[in-house]
Protein backbone atom coordinates (compact mmCIF):
# COMPACT_ATOMS: atom_id res chain seq x y z
CA UNK A 1 -39.15 19.27 -112.07
CA UNK A 2 -40.27 15.64 -112.14
CA UNK A 3 -36.77 14.51 -113.19
CA UNK A 4 -35.12 16.34 -110.29
CA UNK A 5 -37.61 14.97 -107.77
CA UNK A 6 -37.18 11.39 -109.03
CA UNK A 7 -33.39 11.77 -109.04
CA UNK A 8 -33.43 13.02 -105.45
CA UNK A 9 -35.80 10.24 -104.38
CA UNK A 10 -33.58 7.57 -105.93
CA UNK A 11 -30.27 8.87 -104.55
CA UNK A 12 -31.51 9.39 -101.00
CA UNK A 13 -33.50 6.13 -100.95
CA UNK A 14 -30.47 4.08 -102.00
CA UNK A 15 -28.21 5.99 -99.59
CA UNK A 16 -30.54 5.20 -96.69
CA UNK A 17 -30.71 1.43 -97.33
CA UNK A 18 -28.86 -0.23 -94.45
CA UNK A 19 -28.10 3.13 -92.81
CA UNK A 20 -28.49 3.76 -89.08
CA UNK A 21 -31.66 5.72 -89.78
CA UNK A 22 -33.41 2.57 -90.95
CA UNK A 23 -32.29 0.71 -87.83
CA UNK A 24 -33.56 3.57 -85.69
CA UNK A 25 -36.90 3.56 -87.51
CA UNK A 26 -37.24 -0.20 -87.00
CA UNK A 27 -36.41 0.15 -83.31
CA UNK A 28 -38.88 2.97 -82.77
CA UNK A 29 -41.56 0.98 -84.63
CA UNK A 30 -41.13 -1.77 -82.04
CA UNK A 31 -41.97 0.72 -79.29
CA UNK A 32 -44.49 3.19 -80.71
CA UNK A 33 -47.38 3.24 -83.15
CA UNK A 34 -46.26 3.32 -86.76
CA UNK A 35 -47.94 6.58 -87.73
CA UNK A 36 -46.32 8.37 -84.79
CA UNK A 37 -42.89 7.12 -85.85
CA UNK A 38 -43.49 7.98 -89.49
CA UNK A 39 -44.74 11.44 -88.56
CA UNK A 40 -41.68 12.16 -86.44
CA UNK A 41 -39.34 10.92 -89.17
CA UNK A 42 -41.10 12.96 -91.87
CA UNK A 43 -41.00 16.14 -89.77
CA UNK A 44 -37.32 15.74 -88.89
CA UNK A 45 -36.38 14.86 -92.47
CA UNK A 46 -38.24 17.83 -93.93
CA UNK A 47 -36.55 20.20 -91.48
CA UNK A 48 -33.01 18.87 -91.97
CA UNK A 49 -33.26 18.70 -95.76
CA UNK A 50 -34.74 22.19 -95.91
CA UNK A 51 -31.64 23.46 -94.13
CA UNK A 52 -29.31 21.50 -96.41
CA UNK A 53 -30.84 22.67 -99.69
CA UNK A 54 -31.02 26.24 -98.40
CA UNK A 55 -27.41 26.58 -97.40
CA UNK A 56 -25.89 24.06 -99.85
CA UNK A 57 -22.26 23.06 -99.72
CA UNK A 58 -21.37 25.68 -97.10
CA UNK A 59 -23.58 24.07 -94.48
CA UNK A 60 -21.07 21.30 -93.72
CA UNK A 61 -18.42 23.81 -92.72
CA UNK A 62 -20.85 25.91 -90.74
CA UNK A 63 -22.32 23.13 -88.60
CA UNK A 64 -20.44 21.87 -85.52
CA UNK A 65 -20.88 18.29 -86.70
CA UNK A 66 -18.74 16.79 -83.94
CA UNK A 67 -20.72 18.48 -81.18
CA UNK A 68 -23.98 17.44 -82.84
CA UNK A 69 -22.76 13.84 -83.07
CA UNK A 70 -21.86 13.85 -79.37
CA UNK A 71 -25.32 15.17 -78.44
CA UNK A 72 -26.93 12.53 -80.66
CA UNK A 73 -24.85 9.80 -79.00
CA UNK A 74 -25.94 10.93 -75.54
CA UNK A 75 -29.57 11.02 -76.73
CA UNK A 76 -29.36 7.43 -77.97
CA UNK A 77 -27.81 6.27 -74.69
CA UNK A 78 -30.52 8.01 -72.65
CA UNK A 79 -33.29 6.48 -74.77
CA UNK A 80 -31.68 3.04 -74.41
CA UNK A 81 -31.33 3.28 -70.65
CA UNK A 82 -34.87 4.65 -70.39
CA UNK A 83 -36.23 1.68 -72.34
CA UNK A 84 -34.38 -0.80 -70.14
CA UNK A 85 -35.43 0.99 -66.96
CA UNK A 86 -39.10 0.53 -67.87
CA UNK A 87 -38.65 -3.22 -67.45
CA UNK A 88 -35.91 -3.44 -64.82
CA UNK A 89 -36.25 -0.17 -62.97
CA UNK A 90 -37.88 -1.59 -59.82
CA UNK A 91 -38.10 -4.86 -58.00
CA UNK A 92 -41.85 -5.02 -58.37
CA UNK A 93 -41.76 -4.54 -62.16
CA UNK A 94 -43.04 -8.06 -62.70
CA UNK A 95 -46.04 -7.42 -60.46
CA UNK A 96 -46.96 -4.10 -61.98
CA UNK A 97 -49.97 -3.84 -64.21
CA UNK A 98 -49.09 -4.16 -67.89
CA UNK A 99 -48.93 -0.88 -69.80
CA UNK A 100 -50.69 -0.36 -73.11
CA UNK A 101 -48.29 -1.30 -75.91
CA UNK A 102 -46.25 1.55 -77.41
CA UNK A 103 -47.91 4.16 -75.22
CA UNK A 104 -44.89 5.96 -73.76
CA UNK A 105 -44.88 9.68 -73.00
CA UNK A 106 -44.50 12.04 -75.97
CA UNK A 107 -43.22 9.44 -78.47
CA UNK A 108 -43.52 11.87 -81.37
CA UNK A 109 -41.04 14.29 -79.83
CA UNK A 110 -38.68 11.45 -78.90
CA UNK A 111 -38.59 10.28 -82.53
CA UNK A 112 -38.40 13.84 -83.87
CA UNK A 113 -35.48 14.88 -81.68
CA UNK A 114 -33.55 11.65 -82.23
CA UNK A 115 -33.80 11.87 -86.02
CA UNK A 116 -33.01 15.59 -86.06
CA UNK A 117 -29.76 14.99 -84.22
CA UNK A 118 -28.91 11.86 -86.18
CA UNK A 119 -29.44 13.41 -89.61
CA UNK A 120 -27.61 16.69 -89.02
CA UNK A 121 -24.25 16.17 -90.68
CA UNK A 122 -25.22 12.77 -92.09
CA UNK A 123 -24.14 11.74 -95.61
CA UNK A 124 -27.65 12.16 -97.02
CA UNK A 125 -27.65 15.76 -95.85
CA UNK A 126 -24.53 16.54 -97.86
CA UNK A 127 -25.87 14.61 -100.85
CA UNK A 128 -28.99 16.75 -100.73
CA UNK A 129 -26.89 19.90 -100.52
CA UNK A 130 -24.86 18.81 -103.54
CA UNK A 131 -27.99 18.16 -105.58
CA UNK A 132 -29.39 21.56 -104.67
CA UNK A 133 -26.39 23.39 -106.14
CA UNK A 134 -27.30 22.35 -109.71
CA UNK A 135 -31.07 21.84 -109.42
CA UNK A 136 -34.16 23.51 -108.02
CA UNK A 137 -33.89 23.48 -104.23
CA UNK A 138 -37.65 22.96 -103.88
CA UNK A 139 -37.58 19.87 -106.12
CA UNK A 140 -34.54 18.48 -104.32
CA UNK A 141 -36.15 19.12 -100.94
CA UNK A 142 -39.36 17.33 -101.94
CA UNK A 143 -37.55 14.40 -103.55
CA UNK A 144 -34.99 13.89 -100.79
CA UNK A 145 -37.67 14.00 -98.11
CA UNK A 146 -39.80 11.45 -99.97
CA UNK A 147 -36.80 9.19 -100.55
CA UNK A 148 -35.75 9.09 -96.92
CA UNK A 149 -39.28 8.66 -95.58
CA UNK A 150 -39.86 5.81 -98.05
CA UNK A 151 -36.66 4.04 -96.97
CA UNK A 152 -37.52 4.39 -93.29
CA UNK A 153 -41.11 3.28 -93.98
CA UNK A 154 -39.71 -0.07 -95.09
CA UNK A 155 -37.93 -0.40 -91.77
CA UNK A 156 -41.12 0.56 -89.93
CA UNK A 157 -43.00 -2.19 -91.80
CA UNK A 158 -40.38 -4.71 -90.68
CA UNK A 159 -40.71 -3.45 -87.12
CA UNK A 160 -44.48 -3.90 -87.24
CA UNK A 161 -44.15 -7.49 -88.49
CA UNK A 162 -41.57 -8.32 -85.84
CA UNK A 163 -43.58 -6.63 -83.10
CA UNK A 164 -46.62 -8.81 -83.80
CA UNK A 165 -44.67 -11.95 -82.90
CA UNK A 166 -42.77 -10.71 -79.85
CA UNK A 167 -44.04 -9.85 -76.35
CA UNK A 168 -43.72 -6.26 -75.19
CA UNK A 169 -41.15 -7.21 -72.56
CA UNK A 170 -38.78 -8.62 -75.20
CA UNK A 171 -39.39 -5.64 -77.49
CA UNK A 172 -38.54 -3.18 -74.73
CA UNK A 173 -35.29 -4.92 -73.84
CA UNK A 174 -34.28 -5.36 -77.47
CA UNK A 175 -34.92 -1.74 -78.40
CA UNK A 176 -33.04 -0.56 -75.31
CA UNK A 177 -29.99 -2.65 -76.21
CA UNK A 178 -30.10 -1.43 -79.81
CA UNK A 179 -30.09 2.20 -78.72
CA UNK A 180 -27.20 1.53 -76.37
CA UNK A 181 -25.31 0.25 -79.41
CA UNK A 182 -26.27 3.29 -81.53
CA UNK A 183 -25.20 5.65 -78.75
CA UNK A 184 -21.88 3.93 -78.09
CA UNK A 185 -21.02 3.66 -81.80
CA UNK A 186 -21.88 7.35 -82.36
CA UNK A 187 -19.87 8.31 -79.30
CA UNK A 188 -16.78 6.48 -80.57
CA UNK A 189 -17.19 7.96 -84.06
CA UNK A 190 -17.38 11.51 -82.67
CA UNK A 191 -14.83 11.27 -79.88
CA UNK A 192 -12.29 8.99 -81.60
CA UNK A 193 -12.70 9.52 -85.36
CA UNK A 194 -9.44 7.73 -86.08
CA UNK A 195 -10.81 4.50 -84.67
CA UNK A 196 -12.56 3.64 -87.93
CA UNK A 197 -16.15 2.68 -88.70
CA UNK A 198 -15.73 -1.09 -88.48
CA UNK A 199 -13.52 -1.03 -85.40
CA UNK A 200 -15.75 1.46 -83.62
CA UNK A 201 -18.86 -0.55 -84.46
CA UNK A 202 -17.25 -3.75 -83.18
CA UNK A 203 -16.11 -2.14 -79.93
CA UNK A 204 -19.54 -0.55 -79.49
CA UNK A 205 -21.03 -4.04 -79.24
CA UNK A 206 -19.49 -4.28 -75.77
CA UNK A 207 -22.05 -1.85 -74.32
CA UNK A 208 -25.24 -3.80 -75.19
CA UNK A 209 -23.42 -7.06 -74.49
CA UNK A 210 -22.50 -5.89 -70.97
CA UNK A 211 -26.03 -4.58 -70.40
CA UNK A 212 -27.53 -7.85 -71.61
CA UNK A 213 -25.30 -9.89 -69.30
CA UNK A 214 -26.24 -7.64 -66.38
CA UNK A 215 -29.93 -8.12 -67.13
CA UNK A 216 -29.53 -11.89 -67.31
CA UNK A 217 -27.69 -11.95 -63.98
CA UNK A 218 -30.35 -9.82 -62.36
CA UNK A 219 -33.14 -12.00 -63.74
CA UNK A 220 -31.46 -15.18 -62.44
CA UNK A 221 -30.88 -13.65 -59.01
CA UNK A 222 -34.50 -12.54 -58.82
CA UNK A 223 -35.65 -16.02 -59.84
CA UNK A 224 -33.41 -17.64 -57.25
CA UNK A 225 -34.65 -15.32 -54.49
CA UNK A 226 -38.23 -16.14 -55.45
CA UNK A 227 -37.51 -19.87 -55.19
CA UNK A 228 -35.89 -19.45 -51.75
CA UNK A 229 -38.94 -17.73 -50.28
CA UNK A 230 -40.97 -20.44 -48.49
CA UNK A 231 -44.56 -20.86 -49.45
CA UNK A 232 -47.00 -19.48 -46.93
CA UNK A 233 -48.84 -22.29 -45.10
CA UNK A 234 -52.50 -22.48 -45.81
CA UNK A 235 -54.71 -21.23 -43.03
CA UNK A 236 -56.21 -24.02 -40.96
CA UNK A 237 -60.00 -24.04 -40.86
CA UNK A 238 -61.43 -22.72 -37.67
CA UNK A 239 -62.86 -25.25 -35.25
CA UNK A 240 -66.54 -25.63 -35.44
CA UNK A 241 -68.41 -24.16 -32.51
CA UNK A 242 -69.74 -26.83 -30.26
């Protein structure tokens, strides 16, 4: 039992290092409280790996992986645009009262749904299914869940350290641009599988780059308009009554 759990922990942990799940965890940690992110990741991981160890090798053929990947891509794009809209959605965004950090609506369900869609059909899911064919499915489920949560916990720790040194405005824009990249890369991978991982990832950089340029242009235009507005003359003191 212990050997199977440790084997599953090691395989999944190493498979997750540098994977998109870690980047997602880091990005979410910049936006939400760490225990909310970790809870959403743990819940999604436990659910996905329970399915994979239960069905085994046949799960890959049964799941519409391409459709799931397309839904995940759209989810990432929506989250990215939502994050950017919070800071550039209205002209009076600069004058609005600051919101409490990482206090967006239903963050747990945002993290849970994003990781559920991202992990369905992922390589770690098939690795877990393969391990379950020759080992106890309970042990594999426990070990694979621990391994993935541990790998993403490292990314969350990095996000916490980075978040302490960056203002919320920069964090919001950065996380929004990252999710635009995740969504575009996932969209290319699902819609044009022959494009290749490296080529698709390089082309996907165009989406956050274009969004970043648009934000810079808007910020400069807003700054220029503010400079063109003449200062209001100070009110002259009323004449003293004679």
